[in-house]
Amino acid sequence: MKGLLAAASLMVMTEADWKAEDARLSLAQEIEQESETLVVQDGNHGALSERRSRSYIEVAGCDLTALIEEDGPDGQRVRGLTFDLARTVLPDSEDPNSITWGVVDLGEGGRFGEIFFEFTPPYTPTPKGFLYPDAPHKPTSWHYFTLRELVDGAQPYRLLVLLTRYQDSYCSFTR
C-alpha cells in the first residue's frame, strides 16, 4: 500500500508541470498547422475527377509523422514516415543558401518548399502506407518533406524554426 501511495504522489502534476505541458502542446500544434499544405487539381487535365493531395506533420511527443494523403478516383491513399526528432539532424534555419531546406521555384510550374531530415546512424525509420512502385518499404537514412501550394515563401523557414525550437526544448538531439 505504501508503494502505491508513493507512485500516486509522483503522478500529481504541479501547476508548473501543466503550464510546461500546455506550452509543449501549443508548439506541437503550431508545427502541425505550419506544415500543412493542400494541392487540388481539377479534372480538366486528363483526369476524370478532382485530385487532392494534403501534406502535413503530426507531432506525438518526440515522434513526428510526415504524411501525404491523396484523394482521387481510386479512393484515398496515405503514405508517410514516423521518425524520432531526437535522432534527426535538422538543417540550419539561419543558412539562407542551404541545399537542405528552402523554396524551389519552377517558374510557371509553381514553387514548393522542402526540408531535408537526416537521421543519425544507425537509426533508419521505415516508410508506411501506399508507396509508389519505385519507393519500396525499406529503412531510410533521410526524408524530404515537401510543402506544396505554399502560403508564402517564408513557410519552410517558419516550420524549420518551430521544429528546431521543439527539438531544443523537448527532444534533445542524440547521435
N, C-alpha and C. Protein backbone atom coordinates (compact mmCIF):
# COMPACT_ATOMS: atom_id res chain seq x y z
N MET A 1 0.83 -1.19 0.00
CA MET A 1 0.00 0.00 0.00
C MET A 1 0.87 1.25 0.00
N LYS A 2 1.97 1.20 0.76
CA LYS A 2 2.87 2.35 0.84
C LYS A 2 3.47 2.67 -0.54
N GLY A 3 3.82 1.63 -1.31
CA GLY A 3 4.38 1.83 -2.64
C GLY A 3 3.36 2.42 -3.59
N LEU A 4 2.09 2.04 -3.45
CA LEU A 4 1.03 2.57 -4.28
C LEU A 4 0.81 4.05 -4.02
N LEU A 5 0.88 4.45 -2.75
CA LEU A 5 0.74 5.87 -2.41
C LEU A 5 1.91 6.68 -2.95
N ALA A 6 3.10 6.11 -2.87
CA ALA A 6 4.28 6.80 -3.39
C ALA A 6 4.16 7.00 -4.89
N ALA A 7 3.69 5.96 -5.60
CA ALA A 7 3.52 6.06 -7.05
C ALA A 7 2.44 7.08 -7.39
N ALA A 8 1.37 7.11 -6.65
CA ALA A 8 0.28 8.07 -6.90
C ALA A 8 0.75 9.49 -6.68
N SER A 9 1.61 9.69 -5.69
CA SER A 9 2.09 11.05 -5.43
C SER A 9 3.00 11.54 -6.56
N LEU A 10 3.68 10.62 -7.24
CA LEU A 10 4.53 11.00 -8.36
C LEU A 10 3.70 11.40 -9.58
N MET A 11 2.47 10.93 -9.66
CA MET A 11 1.62 11.20 -10.81
C MET A 11 0.94 12.56 -10.73
N VAL A 12 0.99 13.22 -9.59
CA VAL A 12 0.37 14.52 -9.43
C VAL A 12 1.25 15.56 -10.11
N MET A 13 0.62 16.31 -11.00
CA MET A 13 1.37 17.34 -11.72
C MET A 13 1.15 18.67 -11.04
N THR A 14 2.20 19.43 -10.95
CA THR A 14 2.11 20.76 -10.36
C THR A 14 1.59 21.74 -11.41
N GLU A 15 1.27 22.93 -10.99
CA GLU A 15 0.82 23.96 -11.92
C GLU A 15 1.90 24.26 -12.95
N ALA A 16 3.15 24.27 -12.50
CA ALA A 16 4.27 24.50 -13.43
C ALA A 16 4.36 23.38 -14.47
N ASP A 17 4.10 22.13 -14.02
CA ASP A 17 4.11 20.99 -14.95
C ASP A 17 3.02 21.15 -16.01
N TRP A 18 1.83 21.57 -15.58
CA TRP A 18 0.72 21.77 -16.51
C TRP A 18 1.03 22.88 -17.50
N LYS A 19 1.64 23.95 -17.02
CA LYS A 19 1.99 25.07 -17.91
C LYS A 19 3.03 24.62 -18.93
N ALA A 20 4.00 23.83 -18.48
CA ALA A 20 5.04 23.33 -19.39
C ALA A 20 4.43 22.41 -20.44
N GLU A 21 3.51 21.55 -20.01
CA GLU A 21 2.85 20.65 -20.95
C GLU A 21 1.98 21.43 -21.94
N ASP A 22 1.30 22.46 -21.47
CA ASP A 22 0.50 23.31 -22.36
C ASP A 22 1.39 23.99 -23.40
N ALA A 23 2.56 24.44 -22.97
CA ALA A 23 3.49 25.10 -23.90
C ALA A 23 3.98 24.11 -24.96
N ARG A 24 4.28 22.87 -24.54
CA ARG A 24 4.73 21.84 -25.49
C ARG A 24 3.63 21.53 -26.49
N LEU A 25 2.40 21.34 -25.99
CA LEU A 25 1.28 21.03 -26.87
C LEU A 25 0.97 22.17 -27.83
N SER A 26 1.12 23.39 -27.36
CA SER A 26 0.88 24.57 -28.20
C SER A 26 1.91 24.63 -29.33
N LEU A 27 3.18 24.38 -29.01
CA LEU A 27 4.23 24.39 -30.03
C LEU A 27 4.01 23.24 -31.02
N ALA A 28 3.61 22.07 -30.53
CA ALA A 28 3.32 20.94 -31.41
C ALA A 28 2.19 21.29 -32.37
N GLN A 29 1.16 21.97 -31.86
CA GLN A 29 0.04 22.37 -32.72
C GLN A 29 0.49 23.40 -33.77
N GLU A 30 1.38 24.31 -33.39
CA GLU A 30 1.91 25.28 -34.36
C GLU A 30 2.65 24.55 -35.49
N ILE A 31 3.44 23.53 -35.14
CA ILE A 31 4.17 22.75 -36.14
C ILE A 31 3.18 22.08 -37.10
N GLU A 32 2.15 21.46 -36.53
CA GLU A 32 1.16 20.78 -37.35
C GLU A 32 0.46 21.75 -38.30
N GLN A 33 0.11 22.93 -37.81
CA GLN A 33 -0.57 23.91 -38.65
C GLN A 33 0.35 24.48 -39.72
N GLU A 34 1.59 24.79 -39.36
CA GLU A 34 2.54 25.39 -40.32
C GLU A 34 2.96 24.40 -41.39
N SER A 35 2.92 23.10 -41.07
CA SER A 35 3.38 22.08 -42.02
C SER A 35 2.32 21.70 -43.05
N GLU A 36 1.08 22.06 -42.82
CA GLU A 36 0.00 21.58 -43.69
C GLU A 36 -0.09 22.36 -44.99
N THR A 37 -0.13 21.61 -46.08
CA THR A 37 -0.36 22.19 -47.40
C THR A 37 -1.37 21.31 -48.13
N LEU A 38 -2.09 21.91 -49.05
CA LEU A 38 -3.12 21.20 -49.80
C LEU A 38 -3.04 21.59 -51.27
N VAL A 39 -3.00 20.59 -52.13
CA VAL A 39 -3.00 20.80 -53.58
C VAL A 39 -4.28 20.18 -54.12
N VAL A 40 -5.01 20.95 -54.89
CA VAL A 40 -6.23 20.45 -55.53
C VAL A 40 -6.05 20.62 -57.03
N GLN A 41 -6.18 19.50 -57.76
CA GLN A 41 -6.10 19.53 -59.22
C GLN A 41 -7.48 19.19 -59.75
N ASP A 42 -8.00 20.06 -60.60
CA ASP A 42 -9.33 19.79 -61.15
C ASP A 42 -9.23 18.70 -62.21
N GLY A 43 -10.35 18.23 -62.66
CA GLY A 43 -10.41 17.14 -63.62
C GLY A 43 -10.17 17.55 -65.05
N ASN A 44 -9.71 18.74 -65.30
CA ASN A 44 -9.54 19.22 -66.67
C ASN A 44 -8.23 18.80 -67.32
N HIS A 45 -7.36 18.15 -66.60
CA HIS A 45 -6.04 17.81 -67.14
C HIS A 45 -5.94 16.31 -67.43
N GLY A 46 -6.95 15.78 -68.08
CA GLY A 46 -6.91 14.37 -68.45
C GLY A 46 -7.47 13.46 -67.37
N ALA A 47 -7.64 13.95 -66.17
CA ALA A 47 -8.21 13.14 -65.10
C ALA A 47 -9.73 13.29 -65.15
N LEU A 48 -10.43 12.27 -64.74
CA LEU A 48 -11.88 12.30 -64.78
C LEU A 48 -12.48 13.05 -63.60
N SER A 49 -11.75 13.14 -62.52
CA SER A 49 -12.29 13.83 -61.35
C SER A 49 -11.17 14.57 -60.62
N GLU A 50 -11.58 15.35 -59.69
CA GLU A 50 -10.65 16.15 -58.89
C GLU A 50 -9.70 15.25 -58.09
N ARG A 51 -8.47 15.71 -57.94
CA ARG A 51 -7.48 15.03 -57.10
C ARG A 51 -7.02 16.02 -56.04
N ARG A 52 -6.93 15.53 -54.82
CA ARG A 52 -6.48 16.35 -53.70
C ARG A 52 -5.28 15.67 -53.04
N SER A 53 -4.29 16.45 -52.69
CA SER A 53 -3.11 15.94 -52.00
C SER A 53 -2.82 16.85 -50.81
N ARG A 54 -2.85 16.27 -49.63
CA ARG A 54 -2.62 17.03 -48.39
C ARG A 54 -1.36 16.49 -47.72
N SER A 55 -0.42 17.38 -47.43
CA SER A 55 0.81 17.02 -46.72
C SER A 55 0.81 17.71 -45.37
N TYR A 56 1.31 17.02 -44.34
CA TYR A 56 1.38 17.62 -43.01
C TYR A 56 2.24 16.76 -42.10
N ILE A 57 2.59 17.33 -40.96
CA ILE A 57 3.36 16.62 -39.93
C ILE A 57 2.51 16.52 -38.68
N GLU A 58 2.41 15.31 -38.13
CA GLU A 58 1.76 15.09 -36.84
C GLU A 58 2.85 14.97 -35.78
N VAL A 59 2.61 15.56 -34.61
CA VAL A 59 3.57 15.53 -33.51
C VAL A 59 2.97 14.74 -32.35
N ALA A 60 3.70 13.72 -31.89
CA ALA A 60 3.29 12.92 -30.73
C ALA A 60 4.53 12.73 -29.87
N GLY A 61 4.74 13.65 -28.93
CA GLY A 61 5.98 13.61 -28.15
C GLY A 61 7.14 13.92 -29.07
N CYS A 62 8.15 13.06 -29.07
CA CYS A 62 9.30 13.26 -29.96
C CYS A 62 9.16 12.50 -31.27
N ASP A 63 8.04 11.78 -31.44
CA ASP A 63 7.78 11.10 -32.70
C ASP A 63 7.01 12.03 -33.62
N LEU A 64 7.58 12.28 -34.78
CA LEU A 64 6.92 13.08 -35.80
C LEU A 64 6.55 12.16 -36.95
N THR A 65 5.39 12.38 -37.53
CA THR A 65 4.98 11.61 -38.69
C THR A 65 4.69 12.57 -39.83
N ALA A 66 5.48 12.46 -40.90
CA ALA A 66 5.28 13.26 -42.11
C ALA A 66 4.35 12.45 -43.00
N LEU A 67 3.17 13.01 -43.31
CA LEU A 67 2.15 12.27 -44.04
C LEU A 67 1.74 12.97 -45.33
N ILE A 68 1.32 12.16 -46.29
CA ILE A 68 0.70 12.66 -47.51
C ILE A 68 -0.58 11.85 -47.70
N GLU A 69 -1.69 12.55 -47.79
CA GLU A 69 -2.98 11.93 -48.08
C GLU A 69 -3.38 12.36 -49.48
N GLU A 70 -3.73 11.38 -50.32
CA GLU A 70 -4.16 11.68 -51.68
C GLU A 70 -5.56 11.12 -51.89
N ASP A 71 -6.46 11.97 -52.36
CA ASP A 71 -7.82 11.57 -52.70
C ASP A 71 -7.99 11.71 -54.19
N GLY A 72 -8.51 10.68 -54.81
CA GLY A 72 -8.74 10.74 -56.24
C GLY A 72 -9.75 9.70 -56.65
N PRO A 73 -9.83 9.43 -57.94
CA PRO A 73 -10.82 8.48 -58.43
C PRO A 73 -10.64 7.06 -57.88
N ASP A 74 -9.44 6.73 -57.45
CA ASP A 74 -9.17 5.40 -56.90
C ASP A 74 -9.37 5.34 -55.39
N GLY A 75 -9.88 6.40 -54.78
CA GLY A 75 -10.06 6.44 -53.34
C GLY A 75 -8.93 7.18 -52.65
N GLN A 76 -8.83 6.98 -51.36
CA GLN A 76 -7.80 7.68 -50.59
C GLN A 76 -6.58 6.79 -50.40
N ARG A 77 -5.42 7.39 -50.57
CA ARG A 77 -4.15 6.71 -50.33
C ARG A 77 -3.37 7.56 -49.33
N VAL A 78 -2.76 6.89 -48.36
CA VAL A 78 -1.99 7.60 -47.34
C VAL A 78 -0.61 6.96 -47.27
N ARG A 79 0.40 7.80 -47.22
CA ARG A 79 1.76 7.30 -47.03
C ARG A 79 2.49 8.26 -46.11
N GLY A 80 3.52 7.76 -45.45
CA GLY A 80 4.24 8.64 -44.55
C GLY A 80 5.43 7.97 -43.91
N LEU A 81 6.02 8.71 -43.00
CA LEU A 81 7.20 8.24 -42.29
C LEU A 81 7.16 8.80 -40.88
N THR A 82 7.24 7.90 -39.89
CA THR A 82 7.32 8.32 -38.50
C THR A 82 8.78 8.26 -38.08
N PHE A 83 9.26 9.34 -37.45
CA PHE A 83 10.66 9.37 -37.05
C PHE A 83 10.82 10.08 -35.71
N ASP A 84 11.91 9.76 -35.04
CA ASP A 84 12.23 10.30 -33.72
C ASP A 84 13.01 11.61 -33.92
N LEU A 85 12.42 12.71 -33.48
CA LEU A 85 13.07 14.01 -33.64
C LEU A 85 14.39 14.09 -32.88
N ALA A 86 14.52 13.33 -31.81
CA ALA A 86 15.76 13.33 -31.04
C ALA A 86 16.91 12.69 -31.83
N ARG A 87 16.60 11.92 -32.86
CA ARG A 87 17.63 11.28 -33.67
C ARG A 87 17.61 11.81 -35.11
N THR A 88 17.23 13.08 -35.22
CA THR A 88 17.11 13.71 -36.53
C THR A 88 17.97 14.97 -36.58
N VAL A 89 18.78 15.08 -37.63
CA VAL A 89 19.57 16.29 -37.84
C VAL A 89 18.70 17.25 -38.64
N LEU A 90 18.43 18.41 -38.06
CA LEU A 90 17.65 19.43 -38.76
C LEU A 90 18.59 20.39 -39.47
N PRO A 91 18.20 20.90 -40.63
CA PRO A 91 19.02 21.90 -41.32
C PRO A 91 19.14 23.17 -40.48
N ASP A 92 20.15 23.95 -40.76
CA ASP A 92 20.37 25.23 -40.08
C ASP A 92 19.44 26.27 -40.69
N SER A 93 18.46 26.71 -39.92
CA SER A 93 17.48 27.68 -40.44
C SER A 93 18.10 29.04 -40.71
N GLU A 94 19.27 29.29 -40.16
CA GLU A 94 19.93 30.58 -40.36
C GLU A 94 20.81 30.62 -41.61
N ASP A 95 20.87 29.51 -42.34
CA ASP A 95 21.64 29.45 -43.59
C ASP A 95 20.69 29.59 -44.77
N PRO A 96 20.52 30.81 -45.31
CA PRO A 96 19.57 31.02 -46.40
C PRO A 96 20.00 30.37 -47.71
N ASN A 97 21.26 29.96 -47.82
CA ASN A 97 21.77 29.33 -49.03
C ASN A 97 21.87 27.82 -48.90
N SER A 98 21.25 27.27 -47.88
CA SER A 98 21.31 25.84 -47.61
C SER A 98 20.67 25.05 -48.75
N ILE A 99 21.26 23.90 -49.03
CA ILE A 99 20.66 22.99 -50.01
C ILE A 99 19.74 21.98 -49.32
N THR A 100 19.61 22.08 -47.99
CA THR A 100 18.80 21.13 -47.24
C THR A 100 17.44 21.68 -46.81
N TRP A 101 17.15 22.90 -47.18
CA TRP A 101 15.82 23.47 -46.96
C TRP A 101 15.65 24.70 -47.83
N GLY A 102 14.42 25.06 -48.10
CA GLY A 102 14.18 26.29 -48.85
C GLY A 102 12.99 26.18 -49.77
N VAL A 103 12.93 27.12 -50.70
CA VAL A 103 11.86 27.18 -51.68
C VAL A 103 12.44 26.88 -53.05
N VAL A 104 11.80 25.99 -53.78
CA VAL A 104 12.20 25.66 -55.14
C VAL A 104 11.20 26.35 -56.07
N ASP A 105 11.73 27.22 -56.94
CA ASP A 105 10.87 27.98 -57.86
C ASP A 105 10.94 27.33 -59.23
N LEU A 106 9.79 26.86 -59.71
CA LEU A 106 9.71 26.22 -61.02
C LEU A 106 9.16 27.16 -62.09
N GLY A 107 9.18 28.45 -61.81
CA GLY A 107 8.65 29.42 -62.76
C GLY A 107 7.14 29.27 -62.88
N GLU A 108 6.67 29.06 -64.12
CA GLU A 108 5.24 28.92 -64.34
C GLU A 108 4.70 27.62 -63.74
N GLY A 109 5.58 26.68 -63.43
CA GLY A 109 5.18 25.42 -62.81
C GLY A 109 4.91 25.54 -61.33
N GLY A 110 5.05 26.75 -60.80
CA GLY A 110 4.80 26.97 -59.38
C GLY A 110 6.06 26.90 -58.55
N ARG A 111 5.87 26.86 -57.27
CA ARG A 111 7.00 26.72 -56.35
C ARG A 111 6.56 25.89 -55.16
N PHE A 112 7.54 25.27 -54.55
CA PHE A 112 7.25 24.45 -53.38
C PHE A 112 8.40 24.59 -52.39
N GLY A 113 8.12 24.25 -51.15
CA GLY A 113 9.15 24.28 -50.12
C GLY A 113 9.57 22.86 -49.78
N GLU A 114 10.76 22.73 -49.23
CA GLU A 114 11.22 21.42 -48.81
C GLU A 114 12.17 21.55 -47.63
N ILE A 115 12.15 20.52 -46.80
CA ILE A 115 13.06 20.41 -45.66
C ILE A 115 13.61 19.00 -45.67
N PHE A 116 14.92 18.89 -45.59
CA PHE A 116 15.61 17.60 -45.60
C PHE A 116 15.87 17.17 -44.16
N PHE A 117 15.32 16.01 -43.79
CA PHE A 117 15.57 15.43 -42.46
C PHE A 117 16.60 14.32 -42.62
N GLU A 118 17.69 14.41 -41.89
CA GLU A 118 18.72 13.36 -41.91
C GLU A 118 18.69 12.65 -40.57
N PHE A 119 18.68 11.31 -40.60
CA PHE A 119 18.60 10.52 -39.38
C PHE A 119 19.98 10.03 -38.99
N THR A 120 20.26 10.06 -37.69
CA THR A 120 21.59 9.69 -37.22
C THR A 120 21.78 8.17 -37.25
N PRO A 121 22.88 7.71 -37.84
CA PRO A 121 23.14 6.27 -37.91
C PRO A 121 23.26 5.69 -36.49
N PRO A 122 22.79 4.53 -36.27
CA PRO A 122 22.22 3.57 -37.22
C PRO A 122 20.70 3.69 -37.36
N TYR A 123 20.11 4.78 -36.89
CA TYR A 123 18.66 4.96 -36.92
C TYR A 123 18.15 5.11 -38.35
N THR A 124 17.24 4.23 -38.74
CA THR A 124 16.67 4.27 -40.09
C THR A 124 15.19 3.89 -40.02
N PRO A 125 14.31 4.88 -39.90
CA PRO A 125 12.88 4.57 -39.87
C PRO A 125 12.39 4.05 -41.23
N THR A 126 11.25 3.36 -41.21
CA THR A 126 10.70 2.75 -42.42
C THR A 126 9.41 3.44 -42.83
N PRO A 127 9.29 3.84 -44.10
CA PRO A 127 8.05 4.44 -44.59
C PRO A 127 6.88 3.48 -44.42
N LYS A 128 5.67 4.05 -44.36
CA LYS A 128 4.48 3.21 -44.22
C LYS A 128 3.40 3.67 -45.19
N GLY A 129 2.43 2.80 -45.40
CA GLY A 129 1.30 3.14 -46.25
C GLY A 129 1.58 2.91 -47.71
N PHE A 130 0.73 3.50 -48.56
CA PHE A 130 0.85 3.35 -50.00
C PHE A 130 2.09 4.07 -50.50
N LEU A 131 2.95 3.33 -51.17
CA LEU A 131 4.14 3.92 -51.79
C LEU A 131 4.11 3.61 -53.28
N TYR A 132 4.74 4.46 -54.05
CA TYR A 132 4.83 4.20 -55.48
C TYR A 132 5.75 3.02 -55.72
N PRO A 133 5.61 2.32 -56.85
CA PRO A 133 6.42 1.12 -57.12
C PRO A 133 7.92 1.34 -56.99
N ASP A 134 8.40 2.53 -57.32
CA ASP A 134 9.85 2.79 -57.25
C ASP A 134 10.29 3.21 -55.85
N ALA A 135 9.39 3.19 -54.87
CA ALA A 135 9.72 3.57 -53.50
C ALA A 135 9.30 2.44 -52.56
N PRO A 136 10.12 1.41 -52.44
CA PRO A 136 9.74 0.26 -51.62
C PRO A 136 9.76 0.59 -50.12
N HIS A 137 9.08 -0.25 -49.34
CA HIS A 137 9.09 -0.12 -47.88
C HIS A 137 10.44 -0.63 -47.37
N LYS A 138 11.38 0.25 -47.21
CA LYS A 138 12.67 -0.16 -46.67
C LYS A 138 13.18 0.98 -45.79
N PRO A 139 13.98 0.65 -44.79
CA PRO A 139 14.51 1.70 -43.90
C PRO A 139 15.27 2.76 -44.69
N THR A 140 15.20 3.99 -44.18
CA THR A 140 15.85 5.09 -44.87
C THR A 140 16.65 5.93 -43.88
N SER A 141 17.70 6.57 -44.36
CA SER A 141 18.54 7.42 -43.51
C SER A 141 18.21 8.89 -43.68
N TRP A 142 17.20 9.21 -44.51
CA TRP A 142 16.82 10.61 -44.74
C TRP A 142 15.39 10.68 -45.27
N HIS A 143 14.83 11.89 -45.23
CA HIS A 143 13.49 12.13 -45.76
C HIS A 143 13.35 13.59 -46.17
N TYR A 144 12.84 13.82 -47.38
CA TYR A 144 12.50 15.17 -47.81
C TYR A 144 11.02 15.40 -47.51
N PHE A 145 10.72 16.43 -46.73
CA PHE A 145 9.33 16.82 -46.51
C PHE A 145 9.04 17.97 -47.45
N THR A 146 7.98 17.83 -48.25
CA THR A 146 7.66 18.82 -49.27
C THR A 146 6.41 19.60 -48.88
N LEU A 147 6.50 20.91 -49.04
CA LEU A 147 5.38 21.82 -48.82
C LEU A 147 4.94 22.32 -50.18
N ARG A 148 3.80 21.89 -50.65
CA ARG A 148 3.27 22.32 -51.95
C ARG A 148 2.18 23.34 -51.72
N GLU A 149 1.97 24.20 -52.72
CA GLU A 149 1.00 25.28 -52.58
C GLU A 149 1.31 26.10 -51.33
N LEU A 150 2.49 26.66 -51.32
CA LEU A 150 2.97 27.43 -50.17
C LEU A 150 2.03 28.59 -49.83
N VAL A 151 1.90 28.84 -48.53
CA VAL A 151 1.17 30.02 -48.07
C VAL A 151 1.95 31.25 -48.52
N ASP A 152 3.27 31.20 -48.32
CA ASP A 152 4.18 32.25 -48.77
C ASP A 152 5.59 31.68 -48.77
N GLY A 153 6.55 32.42 -49.27
CA GLY A 153 7.92 31.94 -49.39
C GLY A 153 8.63 31.72 -48.06
N ALA A 154 8.07 32.21 -46.97
CA ALA A 154 8.70 32.05 -45.66
C ALA A 154 8.19 30.82 -44.91
N GLN A 155 7.21 30.11 -45.45
CA GLN A 155 6.63 28.97 -44.74
C GLN A 155 7.66 27.89 -44.38
N PRO A 156 8.56 27.47 -45.29
CA PRO A 156 9.55 26.46 -44.90
C PRO A 156 10.45 26.95 -43.76
N TYR A 157 10.83 28.23 -43.79
CA TYR A 157 11.65 28.80 -42.73
C TYR A 157 10.91 28.76 -41.39
N ARG A 158 9.65 29.21 -41.38
CA ARG A 158 8.88 29.21 -40.14
C ARG A 158 8.74 27.81 -39.57
N LEU A 159 8.46 26.83 -40.45
CA LEU A 159 8.34 25.45 -40.00
C LEU A 159 9.65 24.94 -39.42
N LEU A 160 10.74 25.22 -40.09
CA LEU A 160 12.05 24.77 -39.61
C LEU A 160 12.40 25.41 -38.26
N VAL A 161 12.09 26.68 -38.07
CA VAL A 161 12.33 27.34 -36.79
C VAL A 161 11.51 26.68 -35.68
N LEU A 162 10.24 26.38 -35.97
CA LEU A 162 9.38 25.71 -34.98
C LEU A 162 9.92 24.33 -34.63
N LEU A 163 10.33 23.56 -35.65
CA LEU A 163 10.88 22.22 -35.41
C LEU A 163 12.15 22.29 -34.58
N THR A 164 13.01 23.25 -34.88
CA THR A 164 14.26 23.42 -34.12
C THR A 164 13.96 23.78 -32.68
N ARG A 165 13.02 24.69 -32.47
CA ARG A 165 12.65 25.08 -31.11
C ARG A 165 12.08 23.90 -30.34
N TYR A 166 11.25 23.08 -31.00
CA TYR A 166 10.68 21.90 -30.35
C TYR A 166 11.77 20.90 -30.00
N GLN A 167 12.69 20.67 -30.93
CA GLN A 167 13.78 19.73 -30.66
C GLN A 167 14.65 20.23 -29.51
N ASP A 168 15.00 21.50 -29.54
CA ASP A 168 15.86 22.07 -28.48
C ASP A 168 15.18 22.01 -27.11
N SER A 169 13.88 22.19 -27.09
CA SER A 169 13.15 22.25 -25.82
C SER A 169 12.71 20.89 -25.28
N TYR A 170 12.36 19.96 -26.17
CA TYR A 170 11.71 18.73 -25.71
C TYR A 170 12.33 17.43 -26.19
N CYS A 171 13.18 17.47 -27.19
CA CYS A 171 13.72 16.24 -27.77
C CYS A 171 15.22 16.38 -27.97
N SER A 172 15.97 16.34 -26.92
CA SER A 172 17.41 16.54 -27.01
C SER A 172 18.01 15.65 -28.08
N PHE A 173 18.73 16.30 -28.99
CA PHE A 173 19.36 15.59 -30.10
C PHE A 173 20.39 14.60 -29.60
N THR A 174 20.33 13.36 -30.11
CA THR A 174 21.31 12.33 -29.75
C THR A 174 21.87 11.71 -31.01
N ARG A 175 23.13 11.38 -30.96
CA ARG A 175 23.77 10.70 -32.10
C ARG A 175 23.81 9.23 -31.84
